[in-house]
Amino acid sequence: MDNQWTSQELKAYILLFAAHANFMEDKKELDFIKKRVGEHNLDHIHDEFDADNDYQRIQKIKAAIERFEYSKDEIDNLFTDIKALFIVDGKFDILEENLFRGLKHILY
C-alpha cells in the first residue's frame, strides 16, 4: 500500500477521511479542505479516496505518516486542522468526536 503522496496530498486525504466521519461531504468542509491544500491536490486525491475502503484509508494514512516521519508537533498541527474542519459547519457531533479520538489513537 505504498504511495508517493506529497505532504499536501496526505493532508488532503486525512482531511477527506475526517470529513467523512458522518458519512457525507459538506460543501463547507470541502471548501475548507481546498483552502488548506489547494484545489488541485484535493481533486487529485479525491478519486483515490473514493476508491478506497476505510481499512485501506487507515493503512495508507499510517504508512504515509511513517514515511514522512511526522513529529509530534506536525501531527498536532494536523489535528488542529481536523478539529477546525469538524467545526466549520458549526457543530462537532458524536461521529466526528469518535473519529477524532480514533485517529489520535492511530497516529500518536
PDB file of N, CA and C in Angstrom:
ATOM      1  N   MET A   1       0.807  -1.184   0.000  1.00  0.00           N
ATOM      2  CA  MET A   1       0.000   0.000   0.000  1.00  0.00           C
ATOM      3  C   MET A   1       0.851   1.249   0.000  1.00  0.00           C
ATOM      4  N   ASP A   2       2.045   1.145  -0.491  1.00  0.00           N
ATOM      5  CA  ASP A   2       2.928   2.295  -0.507  1.00  0.00           C
ATOM      6  C   ASP A   2       2.474   3.282  -1.567  1.00  0.00           C
ATOM      7  N   ASN A   3       2.403   4.519  -1.196  1.00  0.00           N
ATOM      8  CA  ASN A   3       2.042   5.560  -2.144  1.00  0.00           C
ATOM      9  C   ASN A   3       3.139   6.604  -2.145  1.00  0.00           C
ATOM     10  N   GLN A   4       3.103   7.454  -3.114  1.00  0.00           N
ATOM     11  CA  GLN A   4       4.109   8.502  -3.220  1.00  0.00           C
ATOM     12  C   GLN A   4       3.463   9.880  -3.120  1.00  0.00           C
ATOM     13  N   TRP A   5       2.531  10.007  -2.190  1.00  0.00           N
ATOM     14  CA  TRP A   5       1.873  11.290  -1.994  1.00  0.00           C
ATOM     15  C   TRP A   5       2.870  12.362  -1.572  1.00  0.00           C
ATOM     16  N   THR A   6       2.521  13.594  -1.897  1.00  0.00           N
ATOM     17  CA  THR A   6       3.211  14.730  -1.309  1.00  0.00           C
ATOM     18  C   THR A   6       2.596  14.953   0.076  1.00  0.00           C
ATOM     19  N   SER A   7       3.212  15.803   0.869  1.00  0.00           N
ATOM     20  CA  SER A   7       2.640  16.075   2.191  1.00  0.00           C
ATOM     21  C   SER A   7       1.273  16.762   2.062  1.00  0.00           C
ATOM     22  N   GLN A   8       1.076  17.579   1.035  1.00  0.00           N
ATOM     23  CA  GLN A   8      -0.215  18.233   0.831  1.00  0.00           C
ATOM     24  C   GLN A   8      -1.292  17.224   0.405  1.00  0.00           C
ATOM     25  N   GLU A   9      -0.894  16.229  -0.381  1.00  0.00           N
ATOM     26  CA  GLU A   9      -1.847  15.179  -0.762  1.00  0.00           C
ATOM     27  C   GLU A   9      -2.233  14.337   0.451  1.00  0.00           C
ATOM     28  N   LEU A  10      -1.261  14.049   1.308  1.00  0.00           N
ATOM     29  CA  LEU A  10      -1.563  13.326   2.549  1.00  0.00           C
ATOM     30  C   LEU A  10      -2.542  14.124   3.394  1.00  0.00           C
ATOM     31  N   LYS A  11      -2.286  15.409   3.535  1.00  0.00           N
ATOM     32  CA  LYS A  11      -3.179  16.264   4.314  1.00  0.00           C
ATOM     33  C   LYS A  11      -4.577  16.263   3.708  1.00  0.00           C
ATOM     34  N   ALA A  12      -4.662  16.343   2.377  1.00  0.00           N
ATOM     35  CA  ALA A  12      -5.966  16.301   1.704  1.00  0.00           C
ATOM     36  C   ALA A  12      -6.680  14.988   2.010  1.00  0.00           C
ATOM     37  N   TYR A  13      -5.951  13.881   1.948  1.00  0.00           N
ATOM     38  CA  TYR A  13      -6.528  12.559   2.195  1.00  0.00           C
ATOM     39  C   TYR A  13      -7.035  12.459   3.632  1.00  0.00           C
ATOM     40  N   ILE A  14      -6.222  12.925   4.594  1.00  0.00           N
ATOM     41  CA  ILE A  14      -6.619  12.863   6.003  1.00  0.00           C
ATOM     42  C   ILE A  14      -7.844  13.744   6.250  1.00  0.00           C
ATOM     43  N   LEU A  15      -7.855  14.939   5.679  1.00  0.00           N
ATOM     44  CA  LEU A  15      -9.000  15.826   5.876  1.00  0.00           C
ATOM     45  C   LEU A  15     -10.264  15.266   5.217  1.00  0.00           C
ATOM     46  N   LEU A  16     -10.124  14.628   4.060  1.00  0.00           N
ATOM     47  CA  LEU A  16     -11.279  13.962   3.447  1.00  0.00           C
ATOM     48  C   LEU A  16     -11.775  12.833   4.347  1.00  0.00           C
ATOM     49  N   PHE A  17     -10.846  12.078   4.898  1.00  0.00           N
ATOM     50  CA  PHE A  17     -11.212  11.000   5.819  1.00  0.00           C
ATOM     51  C   PHE A  17     -12.005  11.566   6.991  1.00  0.00           C
ATOM     52  N   ALA A  18     -11.520  12.666   7.540  1.00  0.00           N
ATOM     53  CA  ALA A  18     -12.211  13.306   8.660  1.00  0.00           C
ATOM     54  C   ALA A  18     -13.577  13.841   8.234  1.00  0.00           C
ATOM     55  N   ALA A  19     -13.646  14.419   7.049  1.00  0.00           N
ATOM     56  CA  ALA A  19     -14.919  14.971   6.567  1.00  0.00           C
ATOM     57  C   ALA A  19     -15.983  13.888   6.427  1.00  0.00           C
ATOM     58  N   HIS A  20     -15.541  12.655   6.226  1.00  0.00           N
ATOM     59  CA  HIS A  20     -16.470  11.535   6.062  1.00  0.00           C
ATOM     60  C   HIS A  20     -16.865  10.893   7.392  1.00  0.00           C
ATOM     61  N   ALA A  21     -16.508  11.513   8.504  1.00  0.00           N
ATOM     62  CA  ALA A  21     -16.837  10.963   9.819  1.00  0.00           C
ATOM     63  C   ALA A  21     -18.332  10.740   9.965  1.00  0.00           C
ATOM     64  N   ASN A  22     -19.121  11.632   9.395  1.00  0.00           N
ATOM     65  CA  ASN A  22     -20.584  11.497   9.474  1.00  0.00           C
ATOM     66  C   ASN A  22     -21.166  11.006   8.141  1.00  0.00           C
ATOM     67  N   PHE A  23     -20.327  10.352   7.343  1.00  0.00           N
ATOM     68  CA  PHE A  23     -20.719   9.659   6.112  1.00  0.00           C
ATOM     69  C   PHE A  23     -21.194  10.576   5.000  1.00  0.00           C
ATOM     70  N   MET A  24     -20.832  11.862   5.056  1.00  0.00           N
ATOM     71  CA  MET A  24     -21.181  12.756   3.947  1.00  0.00           C
ATOM     72  C   MET A  24     -20.164  13.881   3.863  1.00  0.00           C
ATOM     73  N   GLU A  25     -20.054  14.426   2.670  1.00  0.00           N
ATOM     74  CA  GLU A  25     -19.170  15.569   2.452  1.00  0.00           C
ATOM     75  C   GLU A  25     -20.034  16.815   2.423  1.00  0.00           C
ATOM     76  N   ASP A  26     -19.725  17.730   3.274  1.00  0.00           N
ATOM     77  CA  ASP A  26     -20.421  19.013   3.343  1.00  0.00           C
ATOM     78  C   ASP A  26     -19.652  20.005   2.456  1.00  0.00           C
ATOM     79  N   LYS A  27     -20.359  20.867   1.748  1.00  0.00           N
ATOM     80  CA  LYS A  27     -19.697  21.849   0.888  1.00  0.00           C
ATOM     81  C   LYS A  27     -18.733  22.723   1.684  1.00  0.00           C
ATOM     82  N   LYS A  28     -19.126  23.118   2.894  1.00  0.00           N
ATOM     83  CA  LYS A  28     -18.249  23.937   3.732  1.00  0.00           C
ATOM     84  C   LYS A  28     -16.965  23.189   4.070  1.00  0.00           C
ATOM     85  N   GLU A  29     -17.095  21.880   4.305  1.00  0.00           N
ATOM     86  CA  GLU A  29     -15.910  21.077   4.610  1.00  0.00           C
ATOM     87  C   GLU A  29     -14.993  20.979   3.392  1.00  0.00           C
ATOM     88  N   LEU A  30     -15.575  20.751   2.220  1.00  0.00           N
ATOM     89  CA  LEU A  30     -14.755  20.678   1.005  1.00  0.00           C
ATOM     90  C   LEU A  30     -14.064  22.007   0.720  1.00  0.00           C
ATOM     91  N   ASP A  31     -14.782  23.104   0.918  1.00  0.00           N
ATOM     92  CA  ASP A  31     -14.169  24.422   0.734  1.00  0.00           C
ATOM     93  C   ASP A  31     -13.016  24.627   1.711  1.00  0.00           C
ATOM     94  N   PHE A  32     -13.205  24.186   2.955  1.00  0.00           N
ATOM     95  CA  PHE A  32     -12.157  24.270   3.976  1.00  0.00           C
ATOM     96  C   PHE A  32     -10.922  23.479   3.521  1.00  0.00           C
ATOM     97  N   ILE A  33     -11.135  22.261   3.030  1.00  0.00           N
ATOM     98  CA  ILE A  33     -10.020  21.416   2.583  1.00  0.00           C
ATOM     99  C   ILE A  33      -9.294  22.081   1.414  1.00  0.00           C
ATOM    100  N   LYS A  34     -10.058  22.610   0.455  1.00  0.00           N
ATOM    101  CA  LYS A  34      -9.441  23.305  -0.690  1.00  0.00           C
ATOM    102  C   LYS A  34      -8.546  24.445  -0.230  1.00  0.00           C
ATOM    103  N   LYS A  35      -9.012  25.205   0.766  1.00  0.00           N
ATOM    104  CA  LYS A  35      -8.205  26.320   1.269  1.00  0.00           C
ATOM    105  C   LYS A  35      -6.926  25.831   1.924  1.00  0.00           C
ATOM    106  N   ARG A  36      -6.946  24.663   2.547  1.00  0.00           N
ATOM    107  CA  ARG A  36      -5.771  24.147   3.251  1.00  0.00           C
ATOM    108  C   ARG A  36      -4.756  23.492   2.311  1.00  0.00           C
ATOM    109  N   VAL A  37      -5.253  22.820   1.245  1.00  0.00           N
ATOM    110  CA  VAL A  37      -4.330  22.025   0.421  1.00  0.00           C
ATOM    111  C   VAL A  37      -4.322  22.422  -1.052  1.00  0.00           C
ATOM    112  N   GLY A  38      -5.230  23.264  -1.461  1.00  0.00           N
ATOM    113  CA  GLY A  38      -5.315  23.652  -2.874  1.00  0.00           C
ATOM    114  C   GLY A  38      -6.280  22.762  -3.641  1.00  0.00           C
ATOM    115  N   GLU A  39      -6.917  23.349  -4.610  1.00  0.00           N
ATOM    116  CA  GLU A  39      -7.923  22.622  -5.392  1.00  0.00           C
ATOM    117  C   GLU A  39      -7.325  21.449  -6.149  1.00  0.00           C
ATOM    118  N   HIS A  40      -6.137  21.643  -6.718  1.00  0.00           N
ATOM    119  CA  HIS A  40      -5.501  20.563  -7.489  1.00  0.00           C
ATOM    120  C   HIS A  40      -5.236  19.341  -6.611  1.00  0.00           C
ATOM    121  N   ASN A  41      -4.669  19.570  -5.420  1.00  0.00           N
ATOM    122  CA  ASN A  41      -4.383  18.437  -4.523  1.00  0.00           C
ATOM    123  C   ASN A  41      -5.658  17.728  -4.103  1.00  0.00           C
ATOM    124  N   LEU A  42      -6.706  18.501  -3.812  1.00  0.00           N
ATOM    125  CA  LEU A  42      -7.969  17.885  -3.420  1.00  0.00           C
ATOM    126  C   LEU A  42      -8.553  17.071  -4.569  1.00  0.00           C
ATOM    127  N   ASP A  43      -8.613  17.664  -5.749  1.00  0.00           N
ATOM    128  CA  ASP A  43      -9.182  16.952  -6.894  1.00  0.00           C
ATOM    129  C   ASP A  43      -8.389  15.690  -7.215  1.00  0.00           C
ATOM    130  N   HIS A  44      -7.073  15.817  -7.161  1.00  0.00           N
ATOM    131  CA  HIS A  44      -6.197  14.692  -7.489  1.00  0.00           C
ATOM    132  C   HIS A  44      -6.392  13.515  -6.519  1.00  0.00           C
ATOM    133  N   ILE A  45      -6.535  13.814  -5.253  1.00  0.00           N
ATOM    134  CA  ILE A  45      -6.585  12.760  -4.232  1.00  0.00           C
ATOM    135  C   ILE A  45      -8.004  12.229  -4.023  1.00  0.00           C
ATOM    136  N   HIS A  46      -9.004  13.011  -4.415  1.00  0.00           N
ATOM    137  CA  HIS A  46     -10.398  12.640  -4.143  1.00  0.00           C
ATOM    138  C   HIS A  46     -10.794  11.330  -4.823  1.00  0.00           C
ATOM    139  N   ASP A  47     -10.381  11.124  -6.065  1.00  0.00           N
ATOM    140  CA  ASP A  47     -10.721   9.882  -6.776  1.00  0.00           C
ATOM    141  C   ASP A  47     -10.125   8.668  -6.071  1.00  0.00           C
ATOM    142  N   GLU A  48      -8.878   8.785  -5.641  1.00  0.00           N
ATOM    143  CA  GLU A  48      -8.245   7.676  -4.919  1.00  0.00           C
ATOM    144  C   GLU A  48      -8.978   7.415  -3.609  1.00  0.00           C
ATOM    145  N   PHE A  49      -9.309   8.474  -2.891  1.00  0.00           N
ATOM    146  CA  PHE A  49     -10.037   8.346  -1.633  1.00  0.00           C
ATOM    147  C   PHE A  49     -11.354   7.617  -1.847  1.00  0.00           C
ATOM    148  N   ASP A  50     -12.104   8.014  -2.863  1.00  0.00           N
ATOM    149  CA  ASP A  50     -13.404   7.395  -3.144  1.00  0.00           C
ATOM    150  C   ASP A  50     -13.283   5.914  -3.489  1.00  0.00           C
ATOM    151  N   ALA A  51     -12.164   5.519  -4.085  1.00  0.00           N
ATOM    152  CA  ALA A  51     -11.974   4.124  -4.488  1.00  0.00           C
ATOM    153  C   ALA A  51     -11.568   3.223  -3.317  1.00  0.00           C
ATOM    154  N   ASP A  52     -11.103   3.826  -2.228  1.00  0.00           N
ATOM    155  CA  ASP A  52     -10.616   3.056  -1.074  1.00  0.00           C
ATOM    156  C   ASP A  52     -11.731   2.792  -0.058  1.00  0.00           C
ATOM    157  N   ASN A  53     -11.590   1.682   0.672  1.00  0.00           N
ATOM    158  CA  ASN A  53     -12.489   1.450   1.812  1.00  0.00           C
ATOM    159  C   ASN A  53     -11.814   1.981   3.078  1.00  0.00           C
ATOM    160  N   ASP A  54     -12.530   1.957   4.196  1.00  0.00           N
ATOM    161  CA  ASP A  54     -11.986   2.528   5.434  1.00  0.00           C
ATOM    162  C   ASP A  54     -10.685   1.863   5.872  1.00  0.00           C
ATOM    163  N   TYR A  55     -10.605   0.557   5.749  1.00  0.00           N
ATOM    164  CA  TYR A  55      -9.381  -0.138   6.141  1.00  0.00           C
ATOM    165  C   TYR A  55      -8.199   0.355   5.304  1.00  0.00           C
ATOM    166  N   GLN A  56      -8.392   0.428   3.981  1.00  0.00           N
ATOM    167  CA  GLN A  56      -7.325   0.902   3.099  1.00  0.00           C
ATOM    168  C   GLN A  56      -6.941   2.337   3.437  1.00  0.00           C
ATOM    169  N   ARG A  57      -7.941   3.155   3.730  1.00  0.00           N
ATOM    170  CA  ARG A  57      -7.676   4.559   4.066  1.00  0.00           C
ATOM    171  C   ARG A  57      -6.792   4.664   5.303  1.00  0.00           C
ATOM    172  N   ILE A  58      -7.128   3.930   6.333  1.00  0.00           N
ATOM    173  CA  ILE A  58      -6.343   3.978   7.570  1.00  0.00           C
ATOM    174  C   ILE A  58      -4.923   3.473   7.334  1.00  0.00           C
ATOM    175  N   GLN A  59      -4.791   2.384   6.587  1.00  0.00           N
ATOM    176  CA  GLN A  59      -3.465   1.839   6.304  1.00  0.00           C
ATOM    177  C   GLN A  59      -2.623   2.832   5.507  1.00  0.00           C
ATOM    178  N   LYS A  60      -3.220   3.483   4.528  1.00  0.00           N
ATOM    179  CA  LYS A  60      -2.497   4.469   3.725  1.00  0.00           C
ATOM    180  C   LYS A  60      -2.071   5.666   4.572  1.00  0.00           C
ATOM    181  N   ILE A  61      -2.958   6.127   5.437  1.00  0.00           N
ATOM    182  CA  ILE A  61      -2.631   7.260   6.297  1.00  0.00           C
ATOM    183  C   ILE A  61      -1.473   6.895   7.224  1.00  0.00           C
ATOM    184  N   LYS A  62      -1.556   5.738   7.867  1.00  0.00           N
ATOM    185  CA  LYS A  62      -0.493   5.312   8.774  1.00  0.00           C
ATOM    186  C   LYS A  62       0.844   5.197   8.039  1.00  0.00           C
ATOM    187  N   ALA A  63       0.830   4.571   6.872  1.00  0.00           N
ATOM    188  CA  ALA A  63       2.063   4.373   6.108  1.00  0.00           C
ATOM    189  C   ALA A  63       2.670   5.712   5.683  1.00  0.00           C
ATOM    190  N   ALA A  64       1.839   6.632   5.260  1.00  0.00           N
ATOM    191  CA  ALA A  64       2.352   7.927   4.805  1.00  0.00           C
ATOM    192  C   ALA A  64       2.905   8.745   5.972  1.00  0.00           C
ATOM    193  N   ILE A  65       2.230   8.704   7.116  1.00  0.00           N
ATOM    194  CA  ILE A  65       2.727   9.411   8.305  1.00  0.00           C
ATOM    195  C   ILE A  65       4.106   8.864   8.685  1.00  0.00           C
ATOM    196  N   GLU A  66       4.259   7.556   8.625  1.00  0.00           N
ATOM    197  CA  GLU A  66       5.548   6.942   8.936  1.00  0.00           C
ATOM    198  C   GLU A  66       6.603   7.316   7.892  1.00  0.00           C
ATOM    199  N   ARG A  67       6.214   7.298   6.620  1.00  0.00           N
ATOM    200  CA  ARG A  67       7.156   7.620   5.541  1.00  0.00           C
ATOM    201  C   ARG A  67       7.679   9.043   5.677  1.00  0.00           C
ATOM    202  N   PHE A  68       6.795   9.962   6.015  1.00  0.00           N
ATOM    203  CA  PHE A  68       7.196  11.356   6.188  1.00  0.00           C
ATOM    204  C   PHE A  68       7.882  11.608   7.538  1.00  0.00           C
ATOM    205  N   GLU A  69       7.830  10.607   8.424  1.00  0.00           N
ATOM    206  CA  GLU A  69       8.419  10.725   9.759  1.00  0.00           C
ATOM    207  C   GLU A  69       7.919  11.973  10.473  1.00  0.00           C
ATOM    208  N   TYR A  70       6.599  12.119  10.498  1.00  0.00           N
ATOM    209  CA  TYR A  70       5.990  13.282  11.155  1.00  0.00           C
ATOM    210  C   TYR A  70       6.360  13.321  12.626  1.00  0.00           C
ATOM    211  N   SER A  71       6.699  14.497  13.083  1.00  0.00           N
ATOM    212  CA  SER A  71       6.978  14.706  14.504  1.00  0.00           C
ATOM    213  C   SER A  71       5.655  14.864  15.252  1.00  0.00           C
ATOM    214  N   LYS A  72       5.733  14.863  16.569  1.00  0.00           N
ATOM    215  CA  LYS A  72       4.532  15.082  17.373  1.00  0.00           C
ATOM    216  C   LYS A  72       3.922  16.441  17.049  1.00  0.00           C
ATOM    217  N   ASP A  73       4.749  17.465  16.864  1.00  0.00           N
ATOM    218  CA  ASP A  73       4.242  18.804  16.529  1.00  0.00           C
ATOM    219  C   ASP A  73       3.520  18.813  15.178  1.00  0.00           C
ATOM    220  N   GLU A  74       4.055  18.099  14.201  1.00  0.00           N
ATOM    221  CA  GLU A  74       3.410  18.036  12.889  1.00  0.00           C
ATOM    222  C   GLU A  74       2.057  17.315  12.981  1.00  0.00           C
ATOM    223  N   ILE A  75       2.012  16.262  13.781  1.00  0.00           N
ATOM    224  CA  ILE A  75       0.748  15.552  13.984  1.00  0.00           C
ATOM    225  C   ILE A  75      -0.230  16.441  14.750  1.00  0.00           C
ATOM    226  N   ASP A  76       0.276  17.176  15.746  1.00  0.00           N
ATOM    227  CA  ASP A  76      -0.576  18.132  16.466  1.00  0.00           C
ATOM    228  C   ASP A  76      -1.191  19.138  15.497  1.00  0.00           C
ATOM    229  N   ASN A  77      -0.391  19.633  14.553  1.00  0.00           N
ATOM    230  CA  ASN A  77      -0.902  20.586  13.561  1.00  0.00           C
ATOM    231  C   ASN A  77      -1.987  19.962  12.687  1.00  0.00           C
ATOM    232  N   LEU A  78      -1.815  18.697  12.330  1.00  0.00           N
ATOM    233  CA  LEU A  78      -2.858  18.001  11.578  1.00  0.00           C
ATOM    234  C   LEU A  78      -4.159  17.962  12.380  1.00  0.00           C
ATOM    235  N   PHE A  79      -4.045  17.662  13.660  1.00  0.00           N
ATOM    236  CA  PHE A  79      -5.242  17.577  14.498  1.00  0.00           C
ATOM    237  C   PHE A  79      -5.895  18.944  14.709  1.00  0.00           C
ATOM    238  N   THR A  80      -5.110  19.993  14.677  1.00  0.00           N
ATOM    239  CA  THR A  80      -5.677  21.347  14.733  1.00  0.00           C
ATOM    240  C   THR A  80      -6.541  21.587  13.499  1.00  0.00           C
ATOM    241  N   ASP A  81      -6.034  21.190  12.328  1.00  0.00           N
ATOM    242  CA  ASP A  81      -6.814  21.334  11.086  1.00  0.00           C
ATOM    243  C   ASP A  81      -8.047  20.432  11.094  1.00  0.00           C
ATOM    244  N   ILE A  82      -7.905  19.230  11.606  1.00  0.00           N
ATOM    245  CA  ILE A  82      -9.049  18.309  11.652  1.00  0.00           C
ATOM    246  C   ILE A  82     -10.147  18.886  12.548  1.00  0.00           C
ATOM    247  N   LYS A  83      -9.762  19.392  13.702  1.00  0.00           N
ATOM    248  CA  LYS A  83     -10.760  19.974  14.618  1.00  0.00           C
ATOM    249  C   LYS A  83     -11.425  21.188  13.974  1.00  0.00           C
ATOM    250  N   ALA A  84     -10.651  22.028  13.299  1.00  0.00           N
ATOM    251  CA  ALA A  84     -11.211  23.190  12.599  1.00  0.00           C
ATOM    252  C   ALA A  84     -12.176  22.742  11.506  1.00  0.00           C
ATOM    253  N   LEU A  85     -11.826  21.660  10.814  1.00  0.00           N
ATOM    254  CA  LEU A  85     -12.721  21.105   9.792  1.00  0.00           C
ATOM    255  C   LEU A  85     -14.039  20.669  10.418  1.00  0.00           C
ATOM    256  N   PHE A  86     -13.966  20.001  11.545  1.00  0.00           N
ATOM    257  CA  PHE A  86     -15.172  19.500  12.201  1.00  0.00           C
ATOM    258  C   PHE A  86     -16.111  20.624  12.629  1.00  0.00           C
ATOM    259  N   ILE A  87     -15.565  21.760  13.007  1.00  0.00           N
ATOM    260  CA  ILE A  87     -16.447  22.830  13.486  1.00  0.00           C
ATOM    261  C   ILE A  87     -16.816  23.851  12.411  1.00  0.00           C
ATOM    262  N   VAL A  88     -16.335  23.647  11.189  1.00  0.00           N
ATOM    263  CA  VAL A  88     -16.633  24.598  10.114  1.00  0.00           C
ATOM    264  C   VAL A  88     -18.141  24.679   9.827  1.00  0.00           C
ATOM    265  N   ASP A  89     -18.863  23.619  10.104  1.00  0.00           N
ATOM    266  CA  ASP A  89     -20.316  23.631   9.884  1.00  0.00           C
ATOM    267  C   ASP A  89     -21.083  24.017  11.149  1.00  0.00           C
ATOM    268  N   GLY A  90     -20.357  24.414  12.196  1.00  0.00           N
ATOM    269  CA  GLY A  90     -20.992  24.906  13.408  1.00  0.00           C
ATOM    270  C   GLY A  90     -21.287  23.868  14.465  1.00  0.00           C
ATOM    271  N   LYS A  91     -20.928  22.609  14.208  1.00  0.00           N
ATOM    272  CA  LYS A  91     -21.167  21.584  15.222  1.00  0.00           C
ATOM    273  C   LYS A  91     -20.057  20.542  15.183  1.00  0.00           C
ATOM    274  N   PHE A  92     -19.835  19.909  16.325  1.00  0.00           N
ATOM    275  CA  PHE A  92     -18.829  18.856  16.481  1.00  0.00           C
ATOM    276  C   PHE A  92     -19.592  17.670  17.031  1.00  0.00           C
ATOM    277  N   ASP A  93     -20.153  16.842  16.129  1.00  0.00           N
ATOM    278  CA  ASP A  93     -21.063  15.778  16.558  1.00  0.00           C
ATOM    279  C   ASP A  93     -20.327  14.540  17.064  1.00  0.00           C
ATOM    280  N   ILE A  94     -21.081  13.600  17.565  1.00  0.00           N
ATOM    281  CA  ILE A  94     -20.524  12.404  18.200  1.00  0.00           C
ATOM    282  C   ILE A  94     -19.709  11.562  17.219  1.00  0.00           C
ATOM    283  N   LEU A  95     -20.125  11.478  15.962  1.00  0.00           N
ATOM    284  CA  LEU A  95     -19.360  10.715  14.978  1.00  0.00           C
ATOM    285  C   LEU A  95     -17.996  11.363  14.735  1.00  0.00           C
ATOM    286  N   GLU A  96     -17.993  12.702  14.678  1.00  0.00           N
ATOM    287  CA  GLU A  96     -16.733  13.411  14.494  1.00  0.00           C
ATOM    288  C   GLU A  96     -15.836  13.247  15.717  1.00  0.00           C
ATOM    289  N   GLU A  97     -16.421  13.323  16.900  1.00  0.00           N
ATOM    290  CA  GLU A  97     -15.646  13.105  18.134  1.00  0.00           C
ATOM    291  C   GLU A  97     -15.008  11.725  18.147  1.00  0.00           C
ATOM    292  N   ASN A  98     -15.778  10.718  17.767  1.00  0.00           N
ATOM    293  CA  ASN A  98     -15.264   9.344  17.762  1.00  0.00           C
ATOM    294  C   ASN A  98     -14.130   9.179  16.760  1.00  0.00           C
ATOM    295  N   LEU A  99     -14.278   9.747  15.569  1.00  0.00           N
ATOM    296  CA  LEU A  99     -13.221   9.649  14.567  1.00  0.00           C
ATOM    297  C   LEU A  99     -11.977  10.392  15.043  1.00  0.00           C
ATOM    298  N   PHE A 100     -12.178  11.550  15.660  1.00  0.00           N
ATOM    299  CA  PHE A 100     -11.061  12.335  16.191  1.00  0.00           C
ATOM    300  C   PHE A 100     -10.258  11.510  17.193  1.00  0.00           C
ATOM    301  N   ARG A 101     -10.960  10.872  18.130  1.00  0.00           N
ATOM    302  CA  ARG A 101     -10.291  10.020  19.118  1.00  0.00           C
ATOM    303  C   ARG A 101      -9.603   8.833  18.467  1.00  0.00           C
ATOM    304  N   GLY A 102     -10.279   8.219  17.504  1.00  0.00           N
ATOM    305  CA  GLY A 102      -9.696   7.069  16.815  1.00  0.00           C
ATOM    306  C   GLY A 102      -8.433   7.426  16.054  1.00  0.00           C
ATOM    307  N   LEU A 103      -8.453   8.557  15.367  1.00  0.00           N
ATOM    308  CA  LEU A 103      -7.253   8.990  14.648  1.00  0.00           C
ATOM    309  C   LEU A 103      -6.111   9.301  15.601  1.00  0.00           C
ATOM    310  N   LYS A 104      -6.427   9.897  16.734  1.00  0.00           N
ATOM    311  CA  LYS A 104      -5.377  10.173  17.721  1.00  0.00           C
ATOM    312  C   LYS A 104      -4.728   8.862  18.175  1.00  0.00           C
ATOM    313  N   HIS A 105      -5.556   7.862  18.401  1.00  0.00           N
ATOM    314  CA  HIS A 105      -5.044   6.554  18.828  1.00  0.00           C
ATOM    315  C   HIS A 105      -4.134   5.957  17.741  1.00  0.00           C
ATOM    316  N   ILE A 106      -4.508   6.105  16.510  1.00  0.00           N
ATOM    317  CA  ILE A 106      -3.753   5.527  15.392  1.00  0.00           C
ATOM    318  C   ILE A 106      -2.445   6.285  15.119  1.00  0.00           C
ATOM    319  N   LEU A 107      -2.497   7.621  15.177  1.00  0.00           N
ATOM    320  CA  LEU A 107      -1.364   8.414  14.715  1.00  0.00           C
ATOM    321  C   LEU A 107      -0.364   8.806  15.791  1.00  0.00           C
ATOM    322  N   TYR A 108      -0.731   8.700  17.054  1.00  0.00           N
ATOM    323  CA  TYR A 108       0.231   9.069  18.111  1.00  0.00           C
ATOM    324  C   TYR A 108       0.946   7.841  18.624  1.00  0.00           C
TER     325      TYR A 108
END
